Amino acid sequence: MQDIERVAKDVFDILRPGMLEGVYQDVMTTGLVQLGHHCEQEFIMPITMYGTQTKRFVKPDIVVDKDIVVELKACTSLTLTHRQQLERYLNISGLIQGVLINFGPNLSIEHCLKKDDKLVWDTKQGSMFM
Protein backbone atom coordinates (compact mmCIF):
# COMPACT_ATOMS: atom_id res chain seq x y z
CA MET A 1 0.00 0.00 0.00
CA GLN A 2 2.81 2.39 0.78
CA ASP A 3 4.26 1.99 -2.70
CA ILE A 4 0.86 2.63 -4.27
CA GLU A 5 0.49 5.87 -2.32
CA ARG A 6 4.06 6.94 -3.03
CA VAL A 7 3.69 6.36 -6.76
CA ALA A 8 0.31 8.15 -6.78
CA LYS A 9 1.90 11.17 -5.09
CA ASP A 10 4.80 11.15 -7.55
CA VAL A 11 2.43 10.87 -10.52
CA PHE A 12 0.33 13.73 -9.17
CA ASP A 13 3.40 15.91 -8.61
CA ILE A 14 4.65 15.26 -12.15
CA LEU A 15 1.45 15.25 -14.21
CA ARG A 16 -0.82 17.43 -12.04
CA PRO A 17 -4.61 17.40 -12.66
CA GLY A 18 -6.11 17.58 -16.12
CA MET A 19 -4.96 14.38 -17.81
CA LEU A 20 -7.19 11.56 -18.97
CA GLU A 21 -7.62 8.68 -16.55
CA GLY A 22 -5.76 6.33 -18.90
CA VAL A 23 -2.63 8.48 -18.73
CA TYR A 24 -2.56 8.23 -14.94
CA GLN A 25 -3.20 4.48 -15.22
CA ASP A 26 -0.24 3.89 -17.54
CA VAL A 27 2.14 6.03 -15.50
CA MET A 28 0.98 4.49 -12.18
CA THR A 29 1.51 1.00 -13.60
CA THR A 30 4.98 1.91 -14.87
CA GLY A 31 5.98 3.30 -11.47
CA LEU A 32 4.70 0.28 -9.58
CA VAL A 33 6.41 -2.16 -11.95
CA GLN A 34 9.68 -0.26 -11.51
CA LEU A 35 9.34 -0.83 -7.76
CA GLY A 36 9.02 -4.58 -8.36
CA HIS A 37 5.26 -5.04 -8.29
CA HIS A 38 3.28 -7.21 -10.67
CA CYS A 39 0.50 -5.11 -12.23
CA GLU A 40 -2.35 -5.97 -14.54
CA GLN A 41 -4.21 -3.13 -16.23
CA GLU A 42 -7.93 -3.53 -16.85
CA PHE A 43 -7.82 -7.10 -15.60
CA ILE A 44 -10.93 -8.86 -16.87
CA MET A 45 -13.05 -10.26 -14.04
CA PRO A 46 -16.08 -12.28 -15.15
CA ILE A 47 -19.36 -11.86 -13.32
CA THR A 48 -20.86 -15.08 -11.99
CA MET A 49 -24.57 -15.47 -11.27
CA TYR A 50 -26.00 -18.58 -9.61
CA GLY A 51 -22.74 -20.41 -10.19
CA THR A 52 -22.68 -19.64 -13.91
CA GLN A 53 -20.27 -17.23 -15.55
CA THR A 54 -22.16 -14.57 -17.49
CA LYS A 55 -21.06 -12.91 -20.73
CA ARG A 56 -20.41 -9.70 -18.79
CA PHE A 57 -17.29 -8.70 -16.92
CA VAL A 58 -15.72 -5.80 -15.07
CA LYS A 59 -12.26 -4.34 -15.58
CA PRO A 60 -10.68 -2.53 -12.64
CA ASP A 61 -7.95 -0.09 -13.66
CA ILE A 62 -5.04 -1.93 -11.99
CA VAL A 63 -4.67 -5.09 -9.93
CA VAL A 64 -1.39 -4.99 -7.98
CA ASP A 65 0.38 -8.21 -6.99
CA LYS A 66 -2.87 -10.14 -7.58
CA ASP A 67 -3.90 -8.75 -4.21
CA ILE A 68 -5.00 -5.09 -4.38
CA VAL A 69 -7.58 -3.49 -6.67
CA VAL A 70 -6.64 0.06 -7.62
CA GLU A 71 -9.36 2.21 -9.17
CA LEU A 72 -8.34 5.57 -10.60
CA LYS A 73 -10.41 8.67 -11.24
CA ALA A 74 -9.64 12.06 -12.74
CA CYS A 75 -12.57 14.19 -11.60
CA THR A 76 -13.40 17.12 -9.36
CA SER A 77 -14.19 14.94 -6.33
CA LEU A 78 -14.94 11.35 -5.44
CA THR A 79 -18.56 10.32 -5.05
CA LEU A 80 -20.47 7.47 -3.48
CA THR A 81 -20.75 5.90 -6.93
CA HIS A 82 -16.95 5.75 -7.23
CA ARG A 83 -16.69 4.05 -3.85
CA GLN A 84 -19.44 1.60 -4.74
CA GLN A 85 -17.62 0.73 -7.97
CA LEU A 86 -14.51 -0.29 -6.02
CA GLU A 87 -16.66 -2.21 -3.54
CA ARG A 88 -18.25 -4.18 -6.40
CA TYR A 89 -14.81 -4.99 -7.81
CA LEU A 90 -13.72 -6.35 -4.44
CA ASN A 91 -16.89 -8.43 -4.14
CA ILE A 92 -16.58 -9.85 -7.64
CA SER A 93 -12.84 -10.55 -7.43
CA GLY A 94 -12.81 -11.99 -3.93
CA LEU A 95 -9.89 -9.69 -3.06
CA ILE A 96 -10.01 -7.85 0.25
CA GLN A 97 -8.00 -4.66 -0.35
CA GLY A 98 -8.74 -1.76 -2.61
CA VAL A 99 -7.48 1.76 -3.20
CA LEU A 100 -9.48 4.55 -4.82
CA ILE A 101 -7.28 7.35 -6.14
CA ASN A 102 -8.51 10.62 -7.62
CA PHE A 103 -6.12 12.80 -9.60
CA GLY A 104 -8.45 15.78 -9.31
CA PRO A 105 -7.66 19.31 -8.18
CA ASN A 106 -6.23 17.69 -5.04
CA LEU A 107 -4.86 14.18 -4.83
CA SER A 108 -7.30 11.96 -2.94
CA ILE A 109 -6.47 8.42 -1.78
CA GLU A 110 -9.05 6.24 -0.05
CA HIS A 111 -8.53 2.68 1.18
CA CYS A 112 -11.13 -0.04 1.41
CA LEU A 113 -10.66 -3.28 3.32
CA LYS A 114 -13.05 -6.21 3.46
CA LYS A 115 -13.27 -7.53 7.05
CA ASP A 116 -15.78 -10.18 8.10
CA ASP A 117 -17.81 -9.56 4.93
CA LYS A 118 -18.01 -5.84 5.75
CA LEU A 119 -16.22 -3.11 3.83
CA VAL A 120 -14.32 -0.59 5.92
CA TRP A 121 -13.24 2.71 4.37
CA ASP A 122 -10.32 4.88 5.42
CA THR A 123 -9.90 8.27 3.80
CA LYS A 124 -6.92 9.32 5.92
CA GLN A 125 -4.29 8.50 3.30
CA GLY A 126 -3.08 5.14 4.43
CA SER A 127 -3.13 5.22 8.22
CA MET A 128 -5.28 2.12 8.51
CA PHE A 129 -3.65 -0.47 6.27
CA MET A 130 0.08 0.19 6.55
C-alpha atoms as a PDB file:
ATOM      1  CA  MET A   1       0.000   0.000   0.000  1.00  0.00           C
ATOM      2  CA  GLN A   2       2.814   2.393   0.783  1.00  0.00           C
ATOM      3  CA  ASP A   3       4.261   1.985  -2.698  1.00  0.00           C
ATOM      4  CA  ILE A   4       0.858   2.628  -4.270  1.00  0.00           C
ATOM      5  CA  GLU A   5       0.492   5.866  -2.316  1.00  0.00           C
ATOM      6  CA  ARG A   6       4.058   6.938  -3.026  1.00  0.00           C
ATOM      7  CA  VAL A   7       3.690   6.355  -6.764  1.00  0.00           C
ATOM      8  CA  ALA A   8       0.311   8.151  -6.783  1.00  0.00           C
ATOM      9  CA  LYS A   9       1.898  11.173  -5.090  1.00  0.00           C
ATOM     10  CA  ASP A  10       4.800  11.151  -7.547  1.00  0.00           C
ATOM     11  CA  VAL A  11       2.430  10.868 -10.518  1.00  0.00           C
ATOM     12  CA  PHE A  12       0.325  13.734  -9.169  1.00  0.00           C
ATOM     13  CA  ASP A  13       3.396  15.908  -8.613  1.00  0.00           C
ATOM     14  CA  ILE A  14       4.648  15.264 -12.146  1.00  0.00           C
ATOM     15  CA  LEU A  15       1.448  15.247 -14.211  1.00  0.00           C
ATOM     16  CA  ARG A  16      -0.820  17.425 -12.039  1.00  0.00           C
ATOM     17  CA  PRO A  17      -4.612  17.396 -12.656  1.00  0.00           C
ATOM     18  CA  GLY A  18      -6.110  17.580 -16.115  1.00  0.00           C
ATOM     19  CA  MET A  19      -4.958  14.379 -17.815  1.00  0.00           C
ATOM     20  CA  LEU A  20      -7.193  11.564 -18.968  1.00  0.00           C
ATOM     21  CA  GLU A  21      -7.619   8.679 -16.551  1.00  0.00           C
ATOM     22  CA  GLY A  22      -5.760   6.330 -18.905  1.00  0.00           C
ATOM     23  CA  VAL A  23      -2.634   8.477 -18.730  1.00  0.00           C
ATOM     24  CA  TYR A  24      -2.562   8.227 -14.941  1.00  0.00           C
ATOM     25  CA  GLN A  25      -3.204   4.481 -15.223  1.00  0.00           C
ATOM     26  CA  ASP A  26      -0.237   3.890 -17.539  1.00  0.00           C
ATOM     27  CA  VAL A  27       2.137   6.034 -15.500  1.00  0.00           C
ATOM     28  CA  MET A  28       0.981   4.485 -12.179  1.00  0.00           C
ATOM     29  CA  THR A  29       1.514   1.003 -13.598  1.00  0.00           C
ATOM     30  CA  THR A  30       4.984   1.909 -14.871  1.00  0.00           C
ATOM     31  CA  GLY A  31       5.975   3.300 -11.470  1.00  0.00           C
ATOM     32  CA  LEU A  32       4.702   0.275  -9.579  1.00  0.00           C
ATOM     33  CA  VAL A  33       6.415  -2.165 -11.950  1.00  0.00           C
ATOM     34  CA  GLN A  34       9.682  -0.264 -11.508  1.00  0.00           C
ATOM     35  CA  LEU A  35       9.344  -0.828  -7.765  1.00  0.00           C
ATOM     36  CA  GLY A  36       9.022  -4.585  -8.360  1.00  0.00           C
ATOM     37  CA  HIS A  37       5.262  -5.038  -8.288  1.00  0.00           C
ATOM     38  CA  HIS A  38       3.278  -7.208 -10.673  1.00  0.00           C
ATOM     39  CA  CYS A  39       0.498  -5.111 -12.225  1.00  0.00           C
ATOM     40  CA  GLU A  40      -2.346  -5.975 -14.542  1.00  0.00           C
ATOM     41  CA  GLN A  41      -4.210  -3.126 -16.227  1.00  0.00           C
ATOM     42  CA  GLU A  42      -7.925  -3.527 -16.854  1.00  0.00           C
ATOM     43  CA  PHE A  43      -7.815  -7.099 -15.599  1.00  0.00           C
ATOM     44  CA  ILE A  44     -10.935  -8.858 -16.866  1.00  0.00           C
ATOM     45  CA  MET A  45     -13.048 -10.263 -14.038  1.00  0.00           C
ATOM     46  CA  PRO A  46     -16.083 -12.278 -15.145  1.00  0.00           C
ATOM     47  CA  ILE A  47     -19.361 -11.859 -13.321  1.00  0.00           C
ATOM     48  CA  THR A  48     -20.858 -15.076 -11.992  1.00  0.00           C
ATOM     49  CA  MET A  49     -24.566 -15.471 -11.271  1.00  0.00           C
ATOM     50  CA  TYR A  50     -26.005 -18.577  -9.605  1.00  0.00           C
ATOM     51  CA  GLY A  51     -22.736 -20.409 -10.185  1.00  0.00           C
ATOM     52  CA  THR A  52     -22.681 -19.635 -13.909  1.00  0.00           C
ATOM     53  CA  GLN A  53     -20.269 -17.234 -15.548  1.00  0.00           C
ATOM     54  CA  THR A  54     -22.161 -14.574 -17.493  1.00  0.00           C
ATOM     55  CA  LYS A  55     -21.061 -12.909 -20.730  1.00  0.00           C
ATOM     56  CA  ARG A  56     -20.409  -9.697 -18.792  1.00  0.00           C
ATOM     57  CA  PHE A  57     -17.290  -8.703 -16.917  1.00  0.00           C
ATOM     58  CA  VAL A  58     -15.720  -5.799 -15.073  1.00  0.00           C
ATOM     59  CA  LYS A  59     -12.257  -4.345 -15.576  1.00  0.00           C
ATOM     60  CA  PRO A  60     -10.677  -2.533 -12.636  1.00  0.00           C
ATOM     61  CA  ASP A  61      -7.953  -0.092 -13.665  1.00  0.00           C
ATOM     62  CA  ILE A  62      -5.041  -1.929 -11.994  1.00  0.00           C
ATOM     63  CA  VAL A  63      -4.668  -5.089  -9.928  1.00  0.00           C
ATOM     64  CA  VAL A  64      -1.385  -4.988  -7.983  1.00  0.00           C
ATOM     65  CA  ASP A  65       0.380  -8.213  -6.995  1.00  0.00           C
ATOM     66  CA  LYS A  66      -2.871 -10.138  -7.583  1.00  0.00           C
ATOM     67  CA  ASP A  67      -3.900  -8.748  -4.210  1.00  0.00           C
ATOM     68  CA  ILE A  68      -4.996  -5.094  -4.378  1.00  0.00           C
ATOM     69  CA  VAL A  69      -7.579  -3.495  -6.668  1.00  0.00           C
ATOM     70  CA  VAL A  70      -6.639   0.061  -7.623  1.00  0.00           C
ATOM     71  CA  GLU A  71      -9.356   2.207  -9.171  1.00  0.00           C
ATOM     72  CA  LEU A  72      -8.340   5.572 -10.600  1.00  0.00           C
ATOM     73  CA  LYS A  73     -10.408   8.671 -11.236  1.00  0.00           C
ATOM     74  CA  ALA A  74      -9.643  12.061 -12.745  1.00  0.00           C
ATOM     75  CA  CYS A  75     -12.570  14.187 -11.602  1.00  0.00           C
ATOM     76  CA  THR A  76     -13.404  17.119  -9.362  1.00  0.00           C
ATOM     77  CA  SER A  77     -14.190  14.944  -6.331  1.00  0.00           C
ATOM     78  CA  LEU A  78     -14.945  11.351  -5.441  1.00  0.00           C
ATOM     79  CA  THR A  79     -18.565  10.321  -5.052  1.00  0.00           C
ATOM     80  CA  LEU A  80     -20.473   7.466  -3.476  1.00  0.00           C
ATOM     81  CA  THR A  81     -20.753   5.901  -6.932  1.00  0.00           C
ATOM     82  CA  HIS A  82     -16.954   5.754  -7.235  1.00  0.00           C
ATOM     83  CA  ARG A  83     -16.685   4.052  -3.850  1.00  0.00           C
ATOM     84  CA  GLN A  84     -19.439   1.599  -4.741  1.00  0.00           C
ATOM     85  CA  GLN A  85     -17.622   0.728  -7.966  1.00  0.00           C
ATOM     86  CA  LEU A  86     -14.506  -0.293  -6.016  1.00  0.00           C
ATOM     87  CA  GLU A  87     -16.659  -2.208  -3.541  1.00  0.00           C
ATOM     88  CA  ARG A  88     -18.250  -4.183  -6.395  1.00  0.00           C
ATOM     89  CA  TYR A  89     -14.806  -4.985  -7.813  1.00  0.00           C
ATOM     90  CA  LEU A  90     -13.724  -6.350  -4.436  1.00  0.00           C
ATOM     91  CA  ASN A  91     -16.892  -8.433  -4.135  1.00  0.00           C
ATOM     92  CA  ILE A  92     -16.578  -9.854  -7.644  1.00  0.00           C
ATOM     93  CA  SER A  93     -12.844 -10.545  -7.425  1.00  0.00           C
ATOM     94  CA  GLY A  94     -12.813 -11.993  -3.932  1.00  0.00           C
ATOM     95  CA  LEU A  95      -9.893  -9.690  -3.063  1.00  0.00           C
ATOM     96  CA  ILE A  96     -10.007  -7.854   0.250  1.00  0.00           C
ATOM     97  CA  GLN A  97      -7.996  -4.656  -0.346  1.00  0.00           C
ATOM     98  CA  GLY A  98      -8.740  -1.755  -2.615  1.00  0.00           C
ATOM     99  CA  VAL A  99      -7.475   1.756  -3.205  1.00  0.00           C
ATOM    100  CA  LEU A 100      -9.484   4.546  -4.824  1.00  0.00           C
ATOM    101  CA  ILE A 101      -7.284   7.352  -6.144  1.00  0.00           C
ATOM    102  CA  ASN A 102      -8.508  10.623  -7.619  1.00  0.00           C
ATOM    103  CA  PHE A 103      -6.116  12.797  -9.598  1.00  0.00           C
ATOM    104  CA  GLY A 104      -8.455  15.778  -9.312  1.00  0.00           C
ATOM    105  CA  PRO A 105      -7.664  19.311  -8.184  1.00  0.00           C
ATOM    106  CA  ASN A 106      -6.227  17.694  -5.040  1.00  0.00           C
ATOM    107  CA  LEU A 107      -4.861  14.178  -4.826  1.00  0.00           C
ATOM    108  CA  SER A 108      -7.305  11.959  -2.942  1.00  0.00           C
ATOM    109  CA  ILE A 109      -6.471   8.422  -1.775  1.00  0.00           C
ATOM    110  CA  GLU A 110      -9.047   6.239  -0.047  1.00  0.00           C
ATOM    111  CA  HIS A 111      -8.526   2.675   1.177  1.00  0.00           C
ATOM    112  CA  CYS A 112     -11.128  -0.045   1.407  1.00  0.00           C
ATOM    113  CA  LEU A 113     -10.663  -3.284   3.316  1.00  0.00           C
ATOM    114  CA  LYS A 114     -13.051  -6.205   3.463  1.00  0.00           C
ATOM    115  CA  LYS A 115     -13.273  -7.531   7.049  1.00  0.00           C
ATOM    116  CA  ASP A 116     -15.776 -10.178   8.099  1.00  0.00           C
ATOM    117  CA  ASP A 117     -17.814  -9.560   4.931  1.00  0.00           C
ATOM    118  CA  LYS A 118     -18.006  -5.842   5.747  1.00  0.00           C
ATOM    119  CA  LEU A 119     -16.225  -3.114   3.831  1.00  0.00           C
ATOM    120  CA  VAL A 120     -14.323  -0.587   5.922  1.00  0.00           C
ATOM    121  CA  TRP A 121     -13.238   2.712   4.374  1.00  0.00           C
ATOM    122  CA  ASP A 122     -10.318   4.879   5.420  1.00  0.00           C
ATOM    123  CA  THR A 123      -9.903   8.273   3.795  1.00  0.00           C
ATOM    124  CA  LYS A 124      -6.920   9.319   5.920  1.00  0.00           C
ATOM    125  CA  GLN A 125      -4.293   8.504   3.303  1.00  0.00           C
ATOM    126  CA  GLY A 126      -3.082   5.140   4.433  1.00  0.00           C
ATOM    127  CA  SER A 127      -3.130   5.219   8.222  1.00  0.00           C
ATOM    128  CA  MET A 128      -5.278   2.119   8.506  1.00  0.00           C
ATOM    129  CA  PHE A 129      -3.646  -0.470   6.274  1.00  0.00           C
ATOM    130  CA  MET A 130       0.076   0.195   6.545  1.00  0.00           C
END
